[in-house]
Amino acid sequence: MAERNIKRSDRDGELLTERRARLKRPDMYMIVLLNDDYTPREFVVWVLMRIFYKGQEESTRIMLEAHTAGRSTVGVYTYDVATTKIAQVDKLAKEYEHPLKCILEVEGGGEY
């Protein structure tokens, strides 16, 4: 949290210093979908639509990008939202016995 000083005068003309805290934006995290050779494409698209609220077309594009490039960015979220969504993906993948995997990366940085 950064602070900045604001100077103003009181009724007697004395100089007062007031400190105002500047709020820092939260760090953002990318959720990256990893390709595997076993999870059905239809399941991946369904998960993207159900957990990330992506449309059919965008979900298909993300799935195909992961399939051809090995990975695809699903979205950028705050840490709490990102970890919750990854946990939801893991839960559905286990429930349906698929090895689907998403990872968390600091936006502009490496894997977290």
N, C-alpha and C. Protein backbone atom coordinates (compact mmCIF):
# COMPACT_ATOMS: atom_id res chain seq x y z
N MET A 1 0.84 -1.16 0.00
CA MET A 1 0.00 0.00 0.00
C MET A 1 0.90 1.24 0.00
N ALA A 2 0.75 2.08 -0.97
CA ALA A 2 1.55 3.30 -1.05
C ALA A 2 0.81 4.43 -0.34
N GLU A 3 1.57 5.33 0.20
CA GLU A 3 0.97 6.48 0.88
C GLU A 3 1.42 7.76 0.18
N ARG A 4 0.59 8.76 0.25
CA ARG A 4 1.00 10.06 -0.25
C ARG A 4 0.55 11.10 0.76
N ASN A 5 1.32 12.13 0.85
CA ASN A 5 1.04 13.19 1.80
C ASN A 5 0.25 14.30 1.12
N ILE A 6 -0.75 14.79 1.81
CA ILE A 6 -1.54 15.92 1.33
C ILE A 6 -1.39 17.02 2.36
N LYS A 7 -1.01 18.20 1.91
CA LYS A 7 -0.80 19.31 2.84
C LYS A 7 -1.95 20.29 2.74
N ARG A 8 -2.40 20.74 3.91
CA ARG A 8 -3.46 21.76 3.97
C ARG A 8 -3.29 22.55 5.25
N SER A 9 -3.96 23.63 5.35
CA SER A 9 -3.84 24.50 6.53
C SER A 9 -5.07 24.34 7.41
N ASP A 10 -4.86 24.51 8.74
CA ASP A 10 -6.00 24.50 9.65
C ASP A 10 -6.48 25.94 9.84
N ARG A 11 -7.40 26.17 10.77
CA ARG A 11 -7.98 27.51 10.98
C ARG A 11 -6.95 28.54 11.43
N ASP A 12 -5.92 28.11 12.14
CA ASP A 12 -4.91 29.04 12.63
C ASP A 12 -3.79 29.28 11.62
N GLY A 13 -3.92 28.68 10.43
CA GLY A 13 -2.90 28.89 9.41
C GLY A 13 -1.73 27.93 9.50
N GLU A 14 -1.79 26.99 10.46
CA GLU A 14 -0.69 26.03 10.56
C GLU A 14 -0.85 24.96 9.49
N LEU A 15 0.28 24.50 9.02
CA LEU A 15 0.29 23.49 7.97
C LEU A 15 0.10 22.10 8.59
N LEU A 16 -0.89 21.38 8.09
CA LEU A 16 -1.15 20.02 8.56
C LEU A 16 -0.82 19.05 7.43
N THR A 17 -0.41 17.86 7.81
CA THR A 17 -0.13 16.83 6.81
C THR A 17 -1.08 15.66 7.04
N GLU A 18 -1.80 15.31 6.02
CA GLU A 18 -2.74 14.19 6.10
C GLU A 18 -2.21 13.09 5.19
N ARG A 19 -2.20 11.88 5.70
CA ARG A 19 -1.72 10.75 4.90
C ARG A 19 -2.93 9.98 4.36
N ARG A 20 -2.90 9.74 3.08
CA ARG A 20 -3.94 8.93 2.46
C ARG A 20 -3.29 7.68 1.88
N ALA A 21 -3.87 6.57 2.19
CA ALA A 21 -3.35 5.29 1.68
C ALA A 21 -3.88 5.08 0.26
N ARG A 22 -3.00 4.64 -0.63
CA ARG A 22 -3.40 4.27 -1.98
C ARG A 22 -3.53 2.76 -2.02
N LEU A 23 -4.63 2.30 -2.48
CA LEU A 23 -4.85 0.86 -2.54
C LEU A 23 -4.16 0.27 -3.77
N LYS A 24 -3.58 -0.88 -3.59
CA LYS A 24 -2.90 -1.58 -4.67
C LYS A 24 -3.89 -2.57 -5.30
N ARG A 25 -3.91 -2.61 -6.61
CA ARG A 25 -4.75 -3.58 -7.29
C ARG A 25 -4.26 -4.99 -6.98
N PRO A 26 -5.18 -5.95 -6.86
CA PRO A 26 -4.73 -7.32 -6.57
C PRO A 26 -3.98 -7.90 -7.75
N ASP A 27 -3.04 -8.81 -7.46
CA ASP A 27 -2.35 -9.52 -8.53
C ASP A 27 -3.37 -10.35 -9.27
N MET A 28 -3.13 -10.53 -10.56
CA MET A 28 -4.04 -11.32 -11.38
C MET A 28 -3.33 -12.60 -11.82
N TYR A 29 -4.12 -13.64 -12.01
CA TYR A 29 -3.58 -14.96 -12.33
C TYR A 29 -4.30 -15.54 -13.55
N MET A 30 -3.50 -16.13 -14.43
CA MET A 30 -4.05 -16.77 -15.63
C MET A 30 -4.32 -18.24 -15.33
N ILE A 31 -5.45 -18.71 -15.80
CA ILE A 31 -5.73 -20.13 -15.77
C ILE A 31 -5.40 -20.67 -17.15
N VAL A 32 -4.52 -21.68 -17.18
CA VAL A 32 -4.05 -22.25 -18.43
C VAL A 32 -4.53 -23.69 -18.52
N LEU A 33 -5.22 -24.01 -19.60
CA LEU A 33 -5.70 -25.36 -19.87
C LEU A 33 -4.59 -26.13 -20.57
N LEU A 34 -4.25 -27.31 -20.04
CA LEU A 34 -3.20 -28.13 -20.63
C LEU A 34 -3.81 -29.24 -21.48
N ASN A 35 -3.15 -29.56 -22.58
CA ASN A 35 -3.62 -30.63 -23.44
C ASN A 35 -3.25 -31.99 -22.85
N ASP A 36 -4.12 -32.95 -23.06
CA ASP A 36 -3.77 -34.35 -22.78
C ASP A 36 -4.39 -35.18 -23.91
N ASP A 37 -3.93 -36.40 -24.06
CA ASP A 37 -4.38 -37.24 -25.17
C ASP A 37 -5.55 -38.14 -24.81
N TYR A 38 -6.17 -37.93 -23.66
CA TYR A 38 -7.20 -38.85 -23.19
C TYR A 38 -8.55 -38.20 -22.93
N THR A 39 -8.59 -36.95 -22.54
CA THR A 39 -9.86 -36.29 -22.24
C THR A 39 -10.60 -35.98 -23.54
N PRO A 40 -11.85 -36.41 -23.66
CA PRO A 40 -12.61 -36.11 -24.89
C PRO A 40 -12.80 -34.61 -25.09
N ARG A 41 -12.74 -34.21 -26.32
CA ARG A 41 -12.89 -32.79 -26.67
C ARG A 41 -14.23 -32.23 -26.19
N GLU A 42 -15.28 -33.03 -26.34
CA GLU A 42 -16.62 -32.59 -25.93
C GLU A 42 -16.67 -32.30 -24.44
N PHE A 43 -15.95 -33.11 -23.65
CA PHE A 43 -15.92 -32.89 -22.21
C PHE A 43 -15.21 -31.58 -21.88
N VAL A 44 -14.11 -31.30 -22.56
CA VAL A 44 -13.36 -30.06 -22.33
C VAL A 44 -14.24 -28.85 -22.63
N VAL A 45 -14.93 -28.90 -23.75
CA VAL A 45 -15.83 -27.79 -24.13
C VAL A 45 -16.92 -27.63 -23.08
N TRP A 46 -17.50 -28.73 -22.63
CA TRP A 46 -18.56 -28.69 -21.61
C TRP A 46 -18.04 -28.06 -20.31
N VAL A 47 -16.84 -28.44 -19.88
CA VAL A 47 -16.25 -27.88 -18.66
C VAL A 47 -16.03 -26.38 -18.80
N LEU A 48 -15.51 -25.96 -19.95
CA LEU A 48 -15.27 -24.52 -20.18
C LEU A 48 -16.58 -23.74 -20.13
N MET A 49 -17.62 -24.31 -20.66
CA MET A 49 -18.92 -23.63 -20.65
C MET A 49 -19.51 -23.62 -19.23
N ARG A 50 -19.37 -24.72 -18.53
CA ARG A 50 -20.00 -24.84 -17.20
C ARG A 50 -19.27 -24.06 -16.12
N ILE A 51 -17.96 -24.12 -16.10
CA ILE A 51 -17.19 -23.50 -15.01
C ILE A 51 -16.78 -22.07 -15.33
N PHE A 52 -16.42 -21.83 -16.59
CA PHE A 52 -15.90 -20.51 -16.95
C PHE A 52 -16.93 -19.65 -17.68
N TYR A 53 -18.13 -20.18 -17.89
CA TYR A 53 -19.22 -19.45 -18.54
C TYR A 53 -18.83 -18.94 -19.92
N LYS A 54 -18.07 -19.75 -20.64
CA LYS A 54 -17.70 -19.42 -22.02
C LYS A 54 -18.79 -19.95 -22.94
N GLY A 55 -18.97 -19.28 -24.08
CA GLY A 55 -19.92 -19.76 -25.08
C GLY A 55 -19.37 -20.96 -25.81
N GLN A 56 -20.21 -21.61 -26.58
CA GLN A 56 -19.82 -22.80 -27.35
C GLN A 56 -18.64 -22.51 -28.26
N GLU A 57 -18.70 -21.42 -28.99
CA GLU A 57 -17.66 -21.08 -29.95
C GLU A 57 -16.32 -20.79 -29.26
N GLU A 58 -16.36 -19.98 -28.21
CA GLU A 58 -15.12 -19.66 -27.49
C GLU A 58 -14.54 -20.89 -26.79
N SER A 59 -15.40 -21.72 -26.23
CA SER A 59 -14.94 -22.95 -25.58
C SER A 59 -14.26 -23.87 -26.58
N THR A 60 -14.84 -23.98 -27.75
CA THR A 60 -14.25 -24.81 -28.80
C THR A 60 -12.90 -24.25 -29.23
N ARG A 61 -12.80 -22.93 -29.37
CA ARG A 61 -11.54 -22.30 -29.76
C ARG A 61 -10.45 -22.56 -28.72
N ILE A 62 -10.79 -22.41 -27.43
CA ILE A 62 -9.82 -22.63 -26.35
C ILE A 62 -9.37 -24.09 -26.35
N MET A 63 -10.32 -25.01 -26.50
CA MET A 63 -10.00 -26.44 -26.53
C MET A 63 -9.08 -26.77 -27.70
N LEU A 64 -9.38 -26.24 -28.88
CA LEU A 64 -8.55 -26.52 -30.07
C LEU A 64 -7.16 -25.91 -29.94
N GLU A 65 -7.07 -24.74 -29.34
CA GLU A 65 -5.75 -24.12 -29.13
C GLU A 65 -4.92 -24.98 -28.18
N ALA A 66 -5.53 -25.46 -27.11
CA ALA A 66 -4.81 -26.35 -26.18
C ALA A 66 -4.40 -27.63 -26.89
N HIS A 67 -5.27 -28.15 -27.74
CA HIS A 67 -5.00 -29.40 -28.46
C HIS A 67 -3.82 -29.25 -29.43
N THR A 68 -3.77 -28.12 -30.12
CA THR A 68 -2.71 -27.94 -31.13
C THR A 68 -1.43 -27.35 -30.55
N ALA A 69 -1.54 -26.44 -29.57
CA ALA A 69 -0.36 -25.77 -29.01
C ALA A 69 0.11 -26.38 -27.69
N GLY A 70 -0.70 -27.27 -27.12
CA GLY A 70 -0.32 -27.89 -25.86
C GLY A 70 -0.88 -27.18 -24.64
N ARG A 71 -1.36 -25.95 -24.83
CA ARG A 71 -1.89 -25.16 -23.73
C ARG A 71 -2.68 -23.98 -24.29
N SER A 72 -3.59 -23.47 -23.48
CA SER A 72 -4.39 -22.32 -23.89
C SER A 72 -4.84 -21.56 -22.64
N THR A 73 -4.77 -20.25 -22.70
CA THR A 73 -5.23 -19.43 -21.59
C THR A 73 -6.75 -19.39 -21.60
N VAL A 74 -7.34 -19.74 -20.47
CA VAL A 74 -8.80 -19.75 -20.34
C VAL A 74 -9.30 -18.38 -19.91
N GLY A 75 -8.58 -17.74 -18.97
CA GLY A 75 -9.00 -16.44 -18.48
C GLY A 75 -8.04 -15.93 -17.42
N VAL A 76 -8.25 -14.69 -17.00
CA VAL A 76 -7.41 -14.04 -15.99
C VAL A 76 -8.32 -13.63 -14.83
N TYR A 77 -7.94 -14.04 -13.62
CA TYR A 77 -8.79 -13.84 -12.44
C TYR A 77 -7.94 -13.47 -11.23
N THR A 78 -8.59 -13.03 -10.17
CA THR A 78 -7.90 -12.86 -8.90
C THR A 78 -7.53 -14.24 -8.38
N TYR A 79 -6.62 -14.29 -7.42
CA TYR A 79 -6.12 -15.57 -6.90
C TYR A 79 -7.25 -16.46 -6.38
N ASP A 80 -8.13 -15.90 -5.56
CA ASP A 80 -9.21 -16.71 -4.96
C ASP A 80 -10.15 -17.28 -6.02
N VAL A 81 -10.52 -16.47 -6.98
CA VAL A 81 -11.42 -16.94 -8.04
C VAL A 81 -10.71 -18.01 -8.88
N ALA A 82 -9.45 -17.76 -9.23
CA ALA A 82 -8.70 -18.71 -10.06
C ALA A 82 -8.53 -20.06 -9.37
N THR A 83 -8.15 -20.05 -8.11
CA THR A 83 -7.96 -21.33 -7.41
C THR A 83 -9.28 -22.07 -7.23
N THR A 84 -10.37 -21.35 -7.04
CA THR A 84 -11.68 -21.99 -6.93
C THR A 84 -12.06 -22.65 -8.24
N LYS A 85 -11.85 -21.96 -9.35
CA LYS A 85 -12.20 -22.52 -10.66
C LYS A 85 -11.34 -23.74 -10.98
N ILE A 86 -10.06 -23.70 -10.65
CA ILE A 86 -9.19 -24.85 -10.89
C ILE A 86 -9.66 -26.04 -10.05
N ALA A 87 -10.05 -25.80 -8.82
CA ALA A 87 -10.57 -26.87 -7.96
C ALA A 87 -11.85 -27.47 -8.55
N GLN A 88 -12.70 -26.64 -9.14
CA GLN A 88 -13.92 -27.13 -9.77
C GLN A 88 -13.61 -28.00 -10.99
N VAL A 89 -12.62 -27.57 -11.78
CA VAL A 89 -12.19 -28.38 -12.93
C VAL A 89 -11.66 -29.73 -12.45
N ASP A 90 -10.80 -29.71 -11.44
CA ASP A 90 -10.23 -30.95 -10.89
C ASP A 90 -11.33 -31.89 -10.40
N LYS A 91 -12.32 -31.34 -9.72
CA LYS A 91 -13.41 -32.15 -9.18
C LYS A 91 -14.21 -32.82 -10.30
N LEU A 92 -14.57 -32.05 -11.33
CA LEU A 92 -15.32 -32.63 -12.45
C LEU A 92 -14.49 -33.66 -13.20
N ALA A 93 -13.21 -33.38 -13.41
CA ALA A 93 -12.34 -34.31 -14.12
C ALA A 93 -12.25 -35.64 -13.36
N LYS A 94 -12.10 -35.57 -12.06
CA LYS A 94 -12.03 -36.80 -11.24
C LYS A 94 -13.37 -37.54 -11.27
N GLU A 95 -14.45 -36.78 -11.17
CA GLU A 95 -15.78 -37.38 -11.16
C GLU A 95 -16.04 -38.16 -12.44
N TYR A 96 -15.59 -37.63 -13.57
CA TYR A 96 -15.80 -38.28 -14.86
C TYR A 96 -14.58 -39.10 -15.31
N GLU A 97 -13.60 -39.23 -14.42
CA GLU A 97 -12.40 -40.04 -14.64
C GLU A 97 -11.61 -39.62 -15.88
N HIS A 98 -11.36 -38.32 -15.98
CA HIS A 98 -10.54 -37.76 -17.05
C HIS A 98 -9.32 -37.07 -16.44
N PRO A 99 -8.19 -37.06 -17.16
CA PRO A 99 -6.98 -36.42 -16.62
C PRO A 99 -6.88 -34.92 -16.94
N LEU A 100 -8.00 -34.27 -17.25
CA LEU A 100 -8.00 -32.84 -17.60
C LEU A 100 -7.31 -32.03 -16.51
N LYS A 101 -6.46 -31.11 -16.92
CA LYS A 101 -5.67 -30.33 -15.96
C LYS A 101 -5.60 -28.87 -16.38
N CYS A 102 -5.75 -27.99 -15.40
CA CYS A 102 -5.51 -26.56 -15.56
C CYS A 102 -4.45 -26.16 -14.55
N ILE A 103 -3.64 -25.18 -14.92
CA ILE A 103 -2.64 -24.66 -13.99
C ILE A 103 -2.84 -23.17 -13.83
N LEU A 104 -2.22 -22.64 -12.79
CA LEU A 104 -2.30 -21.23 -12.45
C LEU A 104 -0.96 -20.58 -12.73
N GLU A 105 -0.96 -19.45 -13.44
CA GLU A 105 0.25 -18.69 -13.69
C GLU A 105 0.01 -17.23 -13.32
N VAL A 106 1.02 -16.61 -12.72
CA VAL A 106 0.94 -15.19 -12.41
C VAL A 106 0.91 -14.46 -13.76
N GLU A 107 -0.01 -13.52 -13.90
CA GLU A 107 -0.12 -12.80 -15.16
C GLU A 107 1.20 -12.12 -15.47
N GLY A 108 1.76 -12.41 -16.61
CA GLY A 108 3.05 -11.85 -17.01
C GLY A 108 4.22 -12.54 -16.34
N GLY A 109 3.98 -13.60 -15.60
CA GLY A 109 5.05 -14.29 -14.90
C GLY A 109 5.02 -15.78 -15.13
N GLY A 110 5.59 -16.50 -14.21
CA GLY A 110 5.68 -17.94 -14.35
C GLY A 110 4.58 -18.65 -13.60
N GLU A 111 4.68 -19.97 -13.59
CA GLU A 111 3.67 -20.80 -12.94
C GLU A 111 3.69 -20.57 -11.44
N TYR A 112 2.51 -20.61 -10.84
CA TYR A 112 2.39 -20.42 -9.40
C TYR A 112 2.17 -21.75 -8.75
